[in-house]
Amino acid sequence: MKPACKDRVIVYVDGFNLYYGLKSKWKNRFLWLDLRLLSYNLLRGRQTLIGVKYFTSRVSQNNKDLGKWKRQNTYLEALRAKGDIEFYWGHYVQKEMYCPSCKFNWDNPEEKRTDVAIAVEMLVDSQQDKLDTAILISGDSDLVPPVEKVVELYQKRVVVAFPPHRWSGALNGVATGTFVIGRKNLKISMLPGKITTKDGFELYCPGRWKTR
């Protein structure tokens, strides 16, 4: 008997949606997360992992919280050292905010291009038949249109893995499957405390991110 074909999976990670979901639920406990390992741990049955695509933006080095920039940079370098992840970069723009009560103005950084980049990659990968199932790690309802088109035009499955505290009714309504990423999968998907790069440089989990 001919064996059943494997279900090819590409995982699309909305970096900051995942980050803020983790922060909201678990504070700093699971931020040192191995995205490749997490993706593998989300697979079911005969699914096989084809690729992991990570969409994020770099925090400005001029940010008032320099520690935030250092922690993110260490994490990104650790993911690079582990390998097997494709990076897609957005950027921040300063959006002016105003409080009518206190008459105070301030700049609030807003991430741009991430949802567009995710949409493009999902559609292109589907059109080129690189996958059977897309796992989308995000709770951003702006991604409803591309999810609908991937399912409707290319007959692919789109499973939305919601980060903690990032559930979206709109995404839940159009996806072919959904679930919330739970503590168990996070706990078994952490990076080691020390990672050595190819050139021998040692990277350590930021002290503020160490699990308690």
C-alpha atoms as a PDB file:
ATOM      1  CA  MET A   1       0.000   0.000   0.000  1.00  0.00           C
ATOM      2  CA  LYS A   2       1.309   3.446  -0.953  1.00  0.00           C
ATOM      3  CA  PRO A   3       2.068   5.509   2.174  1.00  0.00           C
ATOM      4  CA  ALA A   4       0.021   8.655   2.735  1.00  0.00           C
ATOM      5  CA  CYS A   5       1.693  11.883   1.709  1.00  0.00           C
ATOM      6  CA  LYS A   6       3.045  14.040   4.482  1.00  0.00           C
ATOM      7  CA  ASP A   7       1.387  17.329   5.315  1.00  0.00           C
ATOM      8  CA  ARG A   8       3.962  20.044   4.501  1.00  0.00           C
ATOM      9  CA  VAL A   9       3.876  22.880   7.047  1.00  0.00           C
ATOM     10  CA  ILE A  10       5.330  26.390   7.011  1.00  0.00           C
ATOM     11  CA  VAL A  11       5.078  28.408  10.226  1.00  0.00           C
ATOM     12  CA  TYR A  12       4.646  32.193  10.067  1.00  0.00           C
ATOM     13  CA  VAL A  13       5.542  33.990  13.313  1.00  0.00           C
ATOM     14  CA  ASP A  14       4.222  37.486  14.009  1.00  0.00           C
ATOM     15  CA  GLY A  15       7.105  38.427  16.295  1.00  0.00           C
ATOM     16  CA  PHE A  16       5.713  41.306  18.283  1.00  0.00           C
ATOM     17  CA  ASN A  17       2.218  39.840  18.576  1.00  0.00           C
ATOM     18  CA  LEU A  18       3.833  36.774  20.113  1.00  0.00           C
ATOM     19  CA  TYR A  19       6.148  38.860  22.308  1.00  0.00           C
ATOM     20  CA  TYR A  20       3.413  41.011  23.800  1.00  0.00           C
ATOM     21  CA  GLY A  21       1.152  38.007  24.280  1.00  0.00           C
ATOM     22  CA  LEU A  22       3.878  36.226  26.229  1.00  0.00           C
ATOM     23  CA  LYS A  23       4.623  39.369  28.251  1.00  0.00           C
ATOM     24  CA  SER A  24       0.945  39.823  29.060  1.00  0.00           C
ATOM     25  CA  LYS A  25       0.447  36.261  30.290  1.00  0.00           C
ATOM     26  CA  TRP A  26       3.833  35.130  31.580  1.00  0.00           C
ATOM     27  CA  LYS A  27       5.876  38.345  31.953  1.00  0.00           C
ATOM     28  CA  ASN A  28       9.514  37.418  31.088  1.00  0.00           C
ATOM     29  CA  ARG A  29       9.321  33.702  31.697  1.00  0.00           C
ATOM     30  CA  PHE A  30       9.109  32.396  28.121  1.00  0.00           C
ATOM     31  CA  LEU A  31      10.738  35.165  26.068  1.00  0.00           C
ATOM     32  CA  TRP A  32      13.950  33.155  25.429  1.00  0.00           C
ATOM     33  CA  LEU A  33      11.950  31.002  23.041  1.00  0.00           C
ATOM     34  CA  ASP A  34      13.341  28.687  20.366  1.00  0.00           C
ATOM     35  CA  LEU A  35      10.972  29.410  17.479  1.00  0.00           C
ATOM     36  CA  ARG A  36      12.148  26.482  15.384  1.00  0.00           C
ATOM     37  CA  LEU A  37      11.625  24.062  18.276  1.00  0.00           C
ATOM     38  CA  LEU A  38       8.259  25.613  19.132  1.00  0.00           C
ATOM     39  CA  SER A  39       7.162  25.208  15.503  1.00  0.00           C
ATOM     40  CA  TYR A  40       8.215  21.564  15.548  1.00  0.00           C
ATOM     41  CA  ASN A  41       6.341  20.990  18.812  1.00  0.00           C
ATOM     42  CA  LEU A  42       3.136  22.397  17.294  1.00  0.00           C
ATOM     43  CA  LEU A  43       3.060  19.752  14.534  1.00  0.00           C
ATOM     44  CA  ARG A  44       0.526  16.942  14.543  1.00  0.00           C
ATOM     45  CA  GLY A  45       0.426  13.451  13.053  1.00  0.00           C
ATOM     46  CA  ARG A  46       2.217  13.120   9.714  1.00  0.00           C
ATOM     47  CA  GLN A  47       2.991  16.815   9.420  1.00  0.00           C
ATOM     48  CA  THR A  48       6.534  17.759   8.429  1.00  0.00           C
ATOM     49  CA  LEU A  49       8.100  21.164   9.038  1.00  0.00           C
ATOM     50  CA  ILE A  50       9.220  22.827   5.797  1.00  0.00           C
ATOM     51  CA  GLY A  51      10.180  26.255   7.132  1.00  0.00           C
ATOM     52  CA  VAL A  52       9.822  28.896   9.840  1.00  0.00           C
ATOM     53  CA  LYS A  53       9.401  32.538   8.845  1.00  0.00           C
ATOM     54  CA  TYR A  54       9.869  35.168  11.550  1.00  0.00           C
ATOM     55  CA  PHE A  55       8.503  38.683  11.047  1.00  0.00           C
ATOM     56  CA  THR A  56       9.729  41.417  13.372  1.00  0.00           C
ATOM     57  CA  SER A  57      11.272  44.889  13.629  1.00  0.00           C
ATOM     58  CA  ARG A  58      14.430  45.966  15.385  1.00  0.00           C
ATOM     59  CA  VAL A  59      14.069  48.212  18.406  1.00  0.00           C
ATOM     60  CA  SER A  60      15.952  51.452  17.789  1.00  0.00           C
ATOM     61  CA  GLN A  61      19.372  51.677  19.418  1.00  0.00           C
ATOM     62  CA  ASN A  62      18.394  55.239  20.297  1.00  0.00           C
ATOM     63  CA  ASN A  63      15.482  53.925  22.365  1.00  0.00           C
ATOM     64  CA  LYS A  64      15.449  55.394  25.879  1.00  0.00           C
ATOM     65  CA  ASP A  65      15.568  51.844  27.230  1.00  0.00           C
ATOM     66  CA  LEU A  66      18.940  50.685  25.869  1.00  0.00           C
ATOM     67  CA  GLY A  67      18.534  47.438  27.763  1.00  0.00           C
ATOM     68  CA  LYS A  68      15.521  46.573  25.636  1.00  0.00           C
ATOM     69  CA  TRP A  69      17.609  46.972  22.477  1.00  0.00           C
ATOM     70  CA  LYS A  70      20.408  44.812  23.933  1.00  0.00           C
ATOM     71  CA  ARG A  71      18.016  42.044  24.974  1.00  0.00           C
ATOM     72  CA  GLN A  72      16.338  41.950  21.586  1.00  0.00           C
ATOM     73  CA  ASN A  73      19.676  41.973  19.761  1.00  0.00           C
ATOM     74  CA  THR A  74      20.959  39.086  21.885  1.00  0.00           C
ATOM     75  CA  TYR A  75      17.791  37.110  21.180  1.00  0.00           C
ATOM     76  CA  LEU A  76      17.945  37.712  17.432  1.00  0.00           C
ATOM     77  CA  GLU A  77      21.589  36.649  17.333  1.00  0.00           C
ATOM     78  CA  ALA A  78      20.717  33.527  19.317  1.00  0.00           C
ATOM     79  CA  LEU A  79      18.010  32.608  16.804  1.00  0.00           C
ATOM     80  CA  ARG A  80      20.470  33.181  13.960  1.00  0.00           C
ATOM     81  CA  ALA A  81      23.030  30.950  15.661  1.00  0.00           C
ATOM     82  CA  LYS A  82      20.489  28.160  16.032  1.00  0.00           C
ATOM     83  CA  GLY A  83      19.673  28.503  12.311  1.00  0.00           C
ATOM     84  CA  ASP A  84      16.809  27.288  10.100  1.00  0.00           C
ATOM     85  CA  ILE A  85      14.718  30.465  10.467  1.00  0.00           C
ATOM     86  CA  GLU A  86      14.043  33.065   7.770  1.00  0.00           C
ATOM     87  CA  PHE A  87      13.894  36.671   8.988  1.00  0.00           C
ATOM     88  CA  TYR A  88      11.616  39.356   7.528  1.00  0.00           C
ATOM     89  CA  TRP A  89      12.087  42.908   8.760  1.00  0.00           C
ATOM     90  CA  GLY A  90       9.548  45.634   9.297  1.00  0.00           C
ATOM     91  CA  HIS A  91      10.253  49.017  10.841  1.00  0.00           C
ATOM     92  CA  TYR A  92       8.944  51.475  13.385  1.00  0.00           C
ATOM     93  CA  VAL A  93       7.433  54.905  12.790  1.00  0.00           C
ATOM     94  CA  GLN A  94       6.830  57.449  15.522  1.00  0.00           C
ATOM     95  CA  LYS A  95       3.122  58.087  15.897  1.00  0.00           C
ATOM     96  CA  GLU A  96       2.213  61.252  17.793  1.00  0.00           C
ATOM     97  CA  MET A  97      -0.250  60.641  20.619  1.00  0.00           C
ATOM     98  CA  TYR A  98      -2.274  63.212  22.537  1.00  0.00           C
ATOM     99  CA  CYS A  99      -4.116  63.035  25.852  1.00  0.00           C
ATOM    100  CA  PRO A 100      -7.007  65.556  25.893  1.00  0.00           C
ATOM    101  CA  SER A 101      -7.337  65.277  29.679  1.00  0.00           C
ATOM    102  CA  CYS A 102      -3.753  66.167  30.608  1.00  0.00           C
ATOM    103  CA  LYS A 103      -2.933  68.063  27.360  1.00  0.00           C
ATOM    104  CA  PHE A 104       0.203  65.993  26.932  1.00  0.00           C
ATOM    105  CA  ASN A 105       1.819  64.919  23.633  1.00  0.00           C
ATOM    106  CA  TRP A 106       4.191  61.985  23.182  1.00  0.00           C
ATOM    107  CA  ASP A 107       5.616  59.785  20.448  1.00  0.00           C
ATOM    108  CA  ASN A 108       4.518  56.166  20.374  1.00  0.00           C
ATOM    109  CA  PRO A 109       6.504  53.745  18.139  1.00  0.00           C
ATOM    110  CA  GLU A 110       4.257  51.756  15.785  1.00  0.00           C
ATOM    111  CA  GLU A 111       5.412  48.717  13.851  1.00  0.00           C
ATOM    112  CA  LYS A 112       4.850  48.780  10.093  1.00  0.00           C
ATOM    113  CA  ARG A 113       4.952  46.223   7.237  1.00  0.00           C
ATOM    114  CA  THR A 114       4.739  43.069   9.353  1.00  0.00           C
ATOM    115  CA  ASP A 115       1.154  42.143   8.496  1.00  0.00           C
ATOM    116  CA  VAL A 116       1.732  42.960   4.813  1.00  0.00           C
ATOM    117  CA  ALA A 117       4.909  40.853   4.722  1.00  0.00           C
ATOM    118  CA  ILE A 118       3.150  37.895   6.353  1.00  0.00           C
ATOM    119  CA  ALA A 119       0.265  38.178   3.874  1.00  0.00           C
ATOM    120  CA  VAL A 120       2.616  38.269   0.876  1.00  0.00           C
ATOM    121  CA  GLU A 121       4.660  35.269   2.038  1.00  0.00           C
ATOM    122  CA  MET A 122       1.598  33.152   2.804  1.00  0.00           C
ATOM    123  CA  LEU A 123       0.033  33.897  -0.573  1.00  0.00           C
ATOM    124  CA  VAL A 124       3.231  33.371  -2.581  1.00  0.00           C
ATOM    125  CA  ASP A 125       4.079  30.120  -0.772  1.00  0.00           C
ATOM    126  CA  SER A 126       0.539  28.877  -1.407  1.00  0.00           C
ATOM    127  CA  GLN A 127       0.572  29.900  -5.063  1.00  0.00           C
ATOM    128  CA  GLN A 128       3.900  28.111  -5.547  1.00  0.00           C
ATOM    129  CA  ASP A 129       2.539  25.031  -3.739  1.00  0.00           C
ATOM    130  CA  LYS A 130       5.288  25.012  -1.129  1.00  0.00           C
ATOM    131  CA  LEU A 131       2.934  23.943   1.656  1.00  0.00           C
ATOM    132  CA  ASP A 132      -0.215  22.063   2.537  1.00  0.00           C
ATOM    133  CA  THR A 133      -0.781  23.774   5.889  1.00  0.00           C
ATOM    134  CA  ALA A 134       0.203  27.212   7.135  1.00  0.00           C
ATOM    135  CA  ILE A 135       0.490  27.686  10.893  1.00  0.00           C
ATOM    136  CA  LEU A 136       0.091  31.370  11.680  1.00  0.00           C
ATOM    137  CA  ILE A 137       1.310  32.444  15.119  1.00  0.00           C
ATOM    138  CA  SER A 138      -0.600  35.687  15.605  1.00  0.00           C
ATOM    139  CA  GLY A 139      -3.823  37.188  16.882  1.00  0.00           C
ATOM    140  CA  ASP A 140      -3.804  40.146  14.492  1.00  0.00           C
ATOM    141  CA  SER A 141      -7.218  40.470  12.803  1.00  0.00           C
ATOM    142  CA  ASP A 142      -5.572  42.427   9.950  1.00  0.00           C
ATOM    143  CA  LEU A 143      -4.477  39.015   8.673  1.00  0.00           C
ATOM    144  CA  VAL A 144      -8.055  37.855   8.028  1.00  0.00           C
ATOM    145  CA  PRO A 145      -8.018  38.722   4.255  1.00  0.00           C
ATOM    146  CA  PRO A 146      -4.869  36.706   3.373  1.00  0.00           C
ATOM    147  CA  VAL A 147      -6.046  33.769   5.478  1.00  0.00           C
ATOM    148  CA  GLU A 148      -9.364  33.789   3.598  1.00  0.00           C
ATOM    149  CA  LYS A 149      -7.609  33.877   0.208  1.00  0.00           C
ATOM    150  CA  VAL A 150      -5.124  31.111   1.041  1.00  0.00           C
ATOM    151  CA  VAL A 151      -8.026  28.848   2.004  1.00  0.00           C
ATOM    152  CA  GLU A 152     -10.377  29.907  -0.811  1.00  0.00           C
ATOM    153  CA  LEU A 153      -8.028  30.252  -3.796  1.00  0.00           C
ATOM    154  CA  TYR A 154      -5.402  27.610  -3.051  1.00  0.00           C
ATOM    155  CA  GLN A 155      -7.336  25.130  -0.889  1.00  0.00           C
ATOM    156  CA  LYS A 156      -4.622  25.177   1.778  1.00  0.00           C
ATOM    157  CA  ARG A 157      -5.226  24.740   5.482  1.00  0.00           C
ATOM    158  CA  VAL A 158      -4.482  27.715   7.720  1.00  0.00           C
ATOM    159  CA  VAL A 159      -4.228  26.915  11.415  1.00  0.00           C
ATOM    160  CA  VAL A 160      -3.951  29.931  13.700  1.00  0.00           C
ATOM    161  CA  ALA A 161      -1.896  29.404  16.848  1.00  0.00           C
ATOM    162  CA  PHE A 162      -2.920  32.268  19.105  1.00  0.00           C
ATOM    163  CA  PRO A 163      -0.281  33.630  21.490  1.00  0.00           C
ATOM    164  CA  PRO A 164      -1.498  33.953  25.095  1.00  0.00           C
ATOM    165  CA  HIS A 165      -4.037  36.777  25.518  1.00  0.00           C
ATOM    166  CA  ARG A 166      -4.167  37.368  21.728  1.00  0.00           C
ATOM    167  CA  TRP A 167      -7.292  35.436  20.687  1.00  0.00           C
ATOM    168  CA  SER A 168      -9.180  36.948  17.710  1.00  0.00           C
ATOM    169  CA  GLY A 169     -12.777  36.058  16.875  1.00  0.00           C
ATOM    170  CA  ALA A 170     -12.268  37.323  13.319  1.00  0.00           C
ATOM    171  CA  LEU A 171      -9.306  35.004  12.692  1.00  0.00           C
ATOM    172  CA  ASN A 172     -11.066  32.160  14.443  1.00  0.00           C
ATOM    173  CA  GLY A 173     -13.948  32.580  12.002  1.00  0.00           C
ATOM    174  CA  VAL A 174     -11.891  32.209   8.803  1.00  0.00           C
ATOM    175  CA  ALA A 175      -9.134  29.762   9.776  1.00  0.00           C
ATOM    176  CA  THR A 176      -9.483  26.025   9.183  1.00  0.00           C
ATOM    177  CA  GLY A 177      -8.307  25.411  12.731  1.00  0.00           C
ATOM    178  CA  THR A 178      -7.240  27.393  15.817  1.00  0.00           C
ATOM    179  CA  PHE A 179      -5.743  26.858  19.264  1.00  0.00           C
ATOM    180  CA  VAL A 180      -3.978  28.873  21.951  1.00  0.00           C
ATOM    181  CA  ILE A 181      -0.284  28.170  22.521  1.00  0.00           C
ATOM    182  CA  GLY A 182      -0.149  26.729  26.008  1.00  0.00           C
ATOM    183  CA  ARG A 183       2.394  26.607  28.793  1.00  0.00           C
ATOM    184  CA  LYS A 184       3.405  23.013  28.060  1.00  0.00           C
ATOM    185  CA  ASN A 185       4.582  23.773  24.505  1.00  0.00           C
ATOM    186  CA  LEU A 186       6.360  26.922  25.661  1.00  0.00           C
ATOM    187  CA  LYS A 187       8.162  25.122  28.468  1.00  0.00           C
ATOM    188  CA  ILE A 188       9.607  22.447  26.145  1.00  0.00           C
ATOM    189  CA  SER A 189      10.587  24.969  23.460  1.00  0.00           C
ATOM    190  CA  MET A 190      13.145  27.156  25.225  1.00  0.00           C
ATOM    191  CA  LEU A 191      16.616  28.022  23.970  1.00  0.00           C
ATOM    192  CA  PRO A 192      19.559  26.770  26.053  1.00  0.00           C
ATOM    193  CA  GLY A 193      20.927  29.260  28.569  1.00  0.00           C
ATOM    194  CA  LYS A 194      24.158  29.625  26.564  1.00  0.00           C
ATOM    195  CA  ILE A 195      24.529  29.556  22.783  1.00  0.00           C
ATOM    196  CA  THR A 196      27.859  29.644  20.961  1.00  0.00           C
ATOM    197  CA  THR A 197      27.906  31.259  17.517  1.00  0.00           C
ATOM    198  CA  LYS A 198      29.898  29.896  14.569  1.00  0.00           C
ATOM    199  CA  ASP A 199      32.694  32.378  15.273  1.00  0.00           C
ATOM    200  CA  GLY A 200      32.916  31.267  18.910  1.00  0.00           C
ATOM    201  CA  PHE A 201      31.028  34.169  20.502  1.00  0.00           C
ATOM    202  CA  GLU A 202      28.940  33.155  23.510  1.00  0.00           C
ATOM    203  CA  LEU A 203      25.379  34.399  23.930  1.00  0.00           C
ATOM    204  CA  TYR A 204      23.529  34.138  27.226  1.00  0.00           C
ATOM    205  CA  CYS A 205      19.861  34.442  28.093  1.00  0.00           C
ATOM    206  CA  PRO A 206      19.359  38.009  29.415  1.00  0.00           C
ATOM    207  CA  GLY A 207      19.173  38.053  33.187  1.00  0.00           C
ATOM    208  CA  ARG A 208      15.767  39.705  33.159  1.00  0.00           C
ATOM    209  CA  TRP A 209      14.427  36.883  30.960  1.00  0.00           C
ATOM    210  CA  LYS A 210      15.601  33.951  33.049  1.00  0.00           C
ATOM    211  CA  THR A 211      12.802  31.641  34.173  1.00  0.00           C
ATOM    212  CA  ARG A 212      11.862  31.667  37.808  1.00  0.00           C
END
